[in-house]
Amino acid sequence: MKTDSPVILITLLYAFAAASYGESAYERELKELIDQRDKAIAAAAVPISSRFKASAEQLLQRATRNGDLDAATKIKAAIAADTAPDKPSSTRDFIKNTVWGWFFPDGKKYGTVKLEENGKVTTGLPFPTRWEWAGAAQFKIFDDKNGFWVFHYDPATKEATNIKFAGGKSEGKFLRPESK
């Protein structure tokens, strides 16, 4: 009986250690659900945006033809402000193919990061090692000790802001796009 106890204890410790470093089946399934939801929302937005733009263009022509320049200006602004993606993956493509400046809350630049297709982070900084999606227009960037920051991308400002997220670091950092 005494020889079994250390074996059981070591087995349990190994199982708990392996589980703490990896991703559970529930977390993987949640990621899949989030991805499916995001794709469905983006796909649904495309025809809605197309109908809006077509109708707004017709309205713009009528306002211009009737000489209502104030209304025409407002209609043009509404068309330009339509943030629905042209294709379902446009926001995610932008996020993962952009070189981002990494900034402190006071606006001081710390360095640059690029989120690669394969989940790696290309950077001159010592800590970001990998990244993954965390939800609709949200992504995690991991440090070398498996800590992470969660950023939310805002298409209006084209910036990604560090947000509070369970287990994540919330330091007010933000990312600003520098180039494709």
Protein backbone atom coordinates (compact mmCIF):
# COMPACT_ATOMS: atom_id res chain seq x y z
CA MET A 1 0.00 0.00 0.00
CA LYS A 2 2.83 2.40 0.80
CA THR A 3 4.41 1.91 -2.63
CA ASP A 4 1.13 2.73 -4.38
CA SER A 5 0.69 6.11 -2.66
CA PRO A 6 3.73 7.83 -4.24
CA VAL A 7 2.82 6.45 -7.67
CA ILE A 8 -0.75 7.74 -7.36
CA LEU A 9 0.48 11.09 -6.03
CA ILE A 10 2.99 11.52 -8.85
CA THR A 11 0.36 10.55 -11.43
CA LEU A 12 -2.11 13.07 -10.01
CA LEU A 13 0.51 15.83 -9.84
CA TYR A 14 1.51 15.15 -13.44
CA ALA A 15 -2.12 15.26 -14.59
CA PHE A 16 -2.79 18.54 -12.77
CA ALA A 17 0.42 20.10 -14.10
CA ALA A 18 -0.36 19.05 -17.66
CA ALA A 19 -3.91 20.41 -17.39
CA SER A 20 -2.72 23.76 -16.02
CA TYR A 21 -0.45 24.37 -19.03
CA GLY A 22 -2.81 23.19 -21.73
CA GLU A 23 -6.19 24.17 -22.89
CA SER A 24 -9.16 22.15 -21.71
CA ALA A 25 -11.63 20.60 -24.12
CA TYR A 26 -14.21 23.11 -22.90
CA GLU A 27 -11.93 26.04 -23.69
CA ARG A 28 -11.27 24.67 -27.18
CA GLU A 29 -15.00 24.16 -27.74
CA LEU A 30 -15.70 27.70 -26.50
CA LYS A 31 -13.16 29.08 -29.00
CA GLU A 32 -14.88 27.15 -31.79
CA LEU A 33 -18.27 28.52 -30.72
CA ILE A 34 -16.92 32.07 -30.61
CA ASP A 35 -15.35 31.66 -34.06
CA GLN A 36 -18.60 30.28 -35.48
CA ARG A 37 -20.58 33.15 -33.96
CA ASP A 38 -18.12 35.78 -35.24
CA LYS A 39 -18.20 34.34 -38.75
CA ALA A 40 -22.02 34.21 -38.75
CA ILE A 41 -22.30 37.81 -37.54
CA ALA A 42 -19.80 39.02 -40.13
CA ALA A 43 -21.50 37.06 -42.91
CA ALA A 44 -24.91 38.47 -41.91
CA ALA A 45 -23.53 42.03 -41.86
CA VAL A 46 -22.38 41.94 -45.48
CA PRO A 47 -25.81 41.85 -47.20
CA ILE A 48 -27.27 44.30 -44.66
CA SER A 49 -24.45 46.73 -45.34
CA SER A 50 -24.81 46.26 -49.10
CA ARG A 51 -28.54 47.06 -48.95
CA PHE A 52 -27.86 50.10 -46.77
CA LYS A 53 -25.18 51.43 -49.13
CA ALA A 54 -27.35 50.91 -52.22
CA SER A 55 -30.35 52.66 -50.65
CA ALA A 56 -28.19 55.46 -49.23
CA GLU A 57 -26.59 56.03 -52.66
CA GLN A 58 -30.07 56.41 -54.19
CA LEU A 59 -31.05 58.80 -51.40
CA LEU A 60 -27.85 60.78 -52.01
CA GLN A 61 -28.68 61.11 -55.71
CA ARG A 62 -32.20 62.39 -54.90
CA ALA A 63 -30.90 64.90 -52.31
CA THR A 64 -28.24 66.15 -54.73
CA ARG A 65 -30.69 66.37 -57.62
CA ASN A 66 -33.09 68.43 -55.45
CA GLY A 67 -30.29 70.72 -54.21
CA ASP A 68 -30.32 69.72 -50.51
CA LEU A 69 -26.54 69.90 -49.96
CA ASP A 70 -26.77 69.66 -46.15
CA ALA A 71 -28.66 66.36 -46.42
CA ALA A 72 -26.27 65.14 -49.12
CA THR A 73 -23.30 65.82 -46.83
CA LYS A 74 -24.94 63.89 -43.97
CA ILE A 75 -25.79 60.99 -46.27
CA LYS A 76 -22.18 60.83 -47.55
CA ALA A 77 -20.95 60.79 -43.94
CA ALA A 78 -23.35 57.96 -43.07
CA ILE A 79 -22.14 55.92 -46.05
CA ALA A 80 -18.51 56.52 -45.09
CA ALA A 81 -19.19 55.62 -41.44
CA ASP A 82 -20.70 52.24 -42.31
CA THR A 83 -18.23 49.92 -40.59
CA ALA A 84 -19.65 46.59 -41.73
CA PRO A 85 -16.85 44.55 -43.27
CA ASP A 86 -16.66 44.12 -47.03
CA LYS A 87 -15.99 40.46 -46.39
CA PRO A 88 -16.46 38.39 -43.23
CA SER A 89 -12.77 38.03 -42.36
CA SER A 90 -11.62 41.59 -43.08
CA THR A 91 -11.20 42.64 -39.42
CA ARG A 92 -9.34 39.49 -38.49
CA ASP A 93 -7.17 39.71 -41.60
CA PHE A 94 -6.29 43.30 -40.70
CA ILE A 95 -5.43 42.37 -37.09
CA LYS A 96 -3.18 39.45 -37.95
CA ASN A 97 -1.35 40.99 -40.89
CA THR A 98 -0.49 44.36 -39.38
CA VAL A 99 2.67 45.58 -37.66
CA TRP A 100 1.48 47.16 -34.42
CA GLY A 101 3.20 49.77 -32.30
CA TRP A 102 3.04 48.71 -28.61
CA PHE A 103 2.36 51.72 -26.37
CA PHE A 104 2.22 52.41 -22.65
CA PRO A 105 -0.86 54.22 -21.25
CA ASP A 106 1.06 57.54 -21.32
CA GLY A 107 1.54 57.18 -25.10
CA LYS A 108 5.25 56.25 -24.94
CA LYS A 109 6.10 53.64 -27.56
CA TYR A 110 7.70 50.45 -26.24
CA GLY A 111 8.25 48.57 -29.50
CA THR A 112 6.44 46.76 -32.32
CA VAL A 113 4.69 43.41 -32.68
CA LYS A 114 3.32 41.49 -35.65
CA LEU A 115 0.76 38.75 -35.14
CA GLU A 116 1.68 35.92 -37.50
CA GLU A 117 -0.81 33.51 -39.10
CA ASN A 118 0.67 30.55 -37.17
CA GLY A 119 0.09 32.12 -33.72
CA LYS A 120 3.63 33.39 -33.26
CA VAL A 121 4.52 37.00 -32.51
CA THR A 122 7.33 38.63 -34.46
CA THR A 123 8.89 41.38 -32.39
CA GLY A 124 12.09 42.90 -31.07
CA LEU A 125 10.58 42.92 -27.58
CA PRO A 126 11.71 40.31 -25.05
CA PHE A 127 8.34 39.00 -23.90
CA PRO A 128 5.50 38.50 -26.43
CA THR A 129 5.85 34.95 -27.67
CA ARG A 130 2.50 33.89 -29.13
CA TRP A 131 -1.07 35.04 -29.65
CA GLU A 132 -4.58 33.64 -30.17
CA TRP A 133 -8.12 34.85 -30.76
CA ALA A 134 -10.18 35.61 -27.64
CA GLY A 135 -13.52 36.54 -29.20
CA ALA A 136 -15.09 39.04 -31.54
CA ALA A 137 -12.28 41.45 -32.49
CA GLN A 138 -10.37 40.39 -29.37
CA PHE A 139 -7.05 38.65 -29.12
CA LYS A 140 -4.56 37.54 -26.44
CA ILE A 141 -0.83 38.18 -26.57
CA PHE A 142 1.16 35.89 -24.26
CA ASP A 143 4.41 36.65 -22.49
CA ASP A 144 7.20 34.14 -21.93
CA LYS A 145 5.75 33.06 -18.55
CA ASN A 146 2.27 32.27 -20.00
CA GLY A 147 0.76 35.49 -18.65
CA PHE A 148 -1.29 37.41 -21.19
CA TRP A 149 -2.90 40.67 -22.23
CA VAL A 150 -6.26 40.80 -23.99
CA PHE A 151 -6.75 43.49 -26.60
CA HIS A 152 -9.99 44.66 -28.17
CA TYR A 153 -9.75 46.05 -31.71
CA ASP A 154 -11.90 49.10 -32.51
CA PRO A 155 -12.37 49.51 -36.29
CA ALA A 156 -13.38 53.17 -35.85
CA THR A 157 -10.07 54.19 -34.23
CA LYS A 158 -8.01 51.36 -35.77
CA GLU A 159 -6.46 50.77 -32.32
CA ALA A 160 -6.44 47.74 -30.05
CA THR A 161 -6.83 48.52 -26.36
CA ASN A 162 -5.79 46.32 -23.43
CA ILE A 163 -9.02 45.35 -21.62
CA LYS A 164 -9.80 43.67 -18.31
CA PHE A 165 -10.16 39.93 -18.80
CA ALA A 166 -10.28 37.11 -16.24
CA GLY A 167 -6.71 36.01 -15.54
CA GLY A 168 -5.20 38.59 -17.89
CA LYS A 169 -2.95 41.58 -17.29
CA SER A 170 -4.75 44.91 -17.41
CA GLU A 171 -2.13 47.62 -17.67
CA GLY A 172 -3.79 50.12 -20.00
CA LYS A 173 -1.45 49.33 -22.90
CA PHE A 174 -2.63 49.81 -26.47
CA LEU A 175 -1.60 48.88 -29.98
CA ARG A 176 -1.65 51.23 -32.94
CA PRO A 177 -1.18 49.98 -36.53
CA GLU A 178 2.04 51.02 -38.22
CA SER A 179 2.04 49.10 -41.50
CA LYS A 180 0.79 46.03 -43.34
